[in-house]
């Protein structure tokens, strides 16, 4: 049962594509990115007012889908 649970979890989570920019909301939809978003915001000395959902991030990639904060989107992500 545990192996099935691990397999099922892996099906729904994926990493960002290196070199592309992503809205925080999209990162949250494609995988478990809240921790990476929080770290990227912290590293860039940004607040976490919206949990990163309206911020733009650059995907560095790697095993954990490393991201960097680019900017806050005043009008939200589009």
Protein backbone atom coordinates (compact mmCIF):
# COMPACT_ATOMS: atom_id res chain seq x y z
CA UNK A 1 0.00 0.00 0.00
CA UNK A 2 2.85 2.42 0.82
CA UNK A 3 4.46 1.82 -2.58
CA UNK A 4 1.15 2.58 -4.28
CA UNK A 5 0.81 5.80 -2.30
CA UNK A 6 4.32 6.90 -3.28
CA UNK A 7 3.63 6.09 -6.92
CA UNK A 8 0.34 7.98 -6.87
CA UNK A 9 1.98 11.03 -5.29
CA UNK A 10 4.68 11.07 -7.97
CA UNK A 11 2.09 11.11 -10.72
CA UNK A 12 0.63 14.43 -9.61
CA UNK A 13 3.81 16.33 -8.72
CA UNK A 14 6.36 17.36 -11.30
CA UNK A 15 9.26 19.78 -11.59
CA UNK A 16 9.31 23.02 -13.51
CA UNK A 17 11.13 23.19 -16.84
CA UNK A 18 14.58 24.78 -16.56
CA UNK A 19 14.85 28.15 -18.28
CA UNK A 20 11.15 29.01 -18.18
CA UNK A 21 9.40 31.61 -16.02
CA UNK A 22 6.36 30.62 -13.97
CA UNK A 23 3.66 32.35 -12.01
CA UNK A 24 3.63 31.13 -8.42
CA UNK A 25 0.05 29.97 -8.87
CA UNK A 26 1.16 27.70 -11.73
CA UNK A 27 4.01 26.24 -9.68
CA UNK A 28 1.54 25.37 -6.94
CA UNK A 29 -0.69 23.67 -9.50
CA UNK A 30 2.06 21.52 -11.03
CA UNK A 31 3.70 20.31 -7.85
CA UNK A 32 4.55 20.79 -4.21
CA UNK A 33 6.24 24.17 -4.61
CA UNK A 34 5.15 26.10 -1.52
CA UNK A 35 8.43 25.40 0.29
CA UNK A 36 10.52 26.43 -2.73
CA UNK A 37 8.38 29.56 -3.20
CA UNK A 38 8.81 30.50 0.45
CA UNK A 39 12.60 30.01 0.19
CA UNK A 40 12.85 31.99 -3.06
CA UNK A 41 10.89 34.87 -1.49
CA UNK A 42 13.07 34.76 1.63
CA UNK A 43 16.30 34.69 -0.42
CA UNK A 44 15.10 37.75 -2.38
CA UNK A 45 14.06 39.62 0.81
CA UNK A 46 10.42 39.62 -0.29
CA UNK A 47 7.38 39.34 1.95
CA UNK A 48 4.98 36.45 1.77
CA UNK A 49 1.75 38.46 1.68
CA UNK A 50 0.11 36.30 -0.97
CA UNK A 51 2.11 33.10 -0.48
CA UNK A 52 3.86 33.75 -3.78
CA UNK A 53 0.82 33.03 -5.92
CA UNK A 54 1.03 36.40 -7.71
CA UNK A 55 4.82 36.43 -8.07
CA UNK A 56 6.90 35.52 -11.10
CA UNK A 57 9.68 32.94 -10.71
CA UNK A 58 12.45 31.63 -12.95
CA UNK A 59 13.00 27.87 -13.02
CA UNK A 60 16.66 26.99 -12.57
CA UNK A 61 15.74 23.31 -12.64
CA UNK A 62 17.60 20.42 -11.08
CA UNK A 63 16.33 17.49 -9.06
CA UNK A 64 14.07 19.64 -6.90
CA UNK A 65 12.91 22.16 -9.51
CA UNK A 66 14.89 25.07 -8.05
CA UNK A 67 13.31 28.49 -8.62
CA UNK A 68 14.36 32.12 -8.22
CA UNK A 69 12.09 35.09 -7.49
CA UNK A 70 11.87 37.57 -10.39
CA UNK A 71 9.14 40.06 -9.46
CA UNK A 72 5.74 40.67 -7.95
CA UNK A 73 2.96 40.91 -10.54
CA UNK A 74 0.91 43.96 -9.55
CA UNK A 75 -2.07 42.89 -11.66
CA UNK A 76 -1.65 39.22 -10.81
CA UNK A 77 -0.28 36.56 -13.09
CA UNK A 78 -1.69 36.48 -16.58
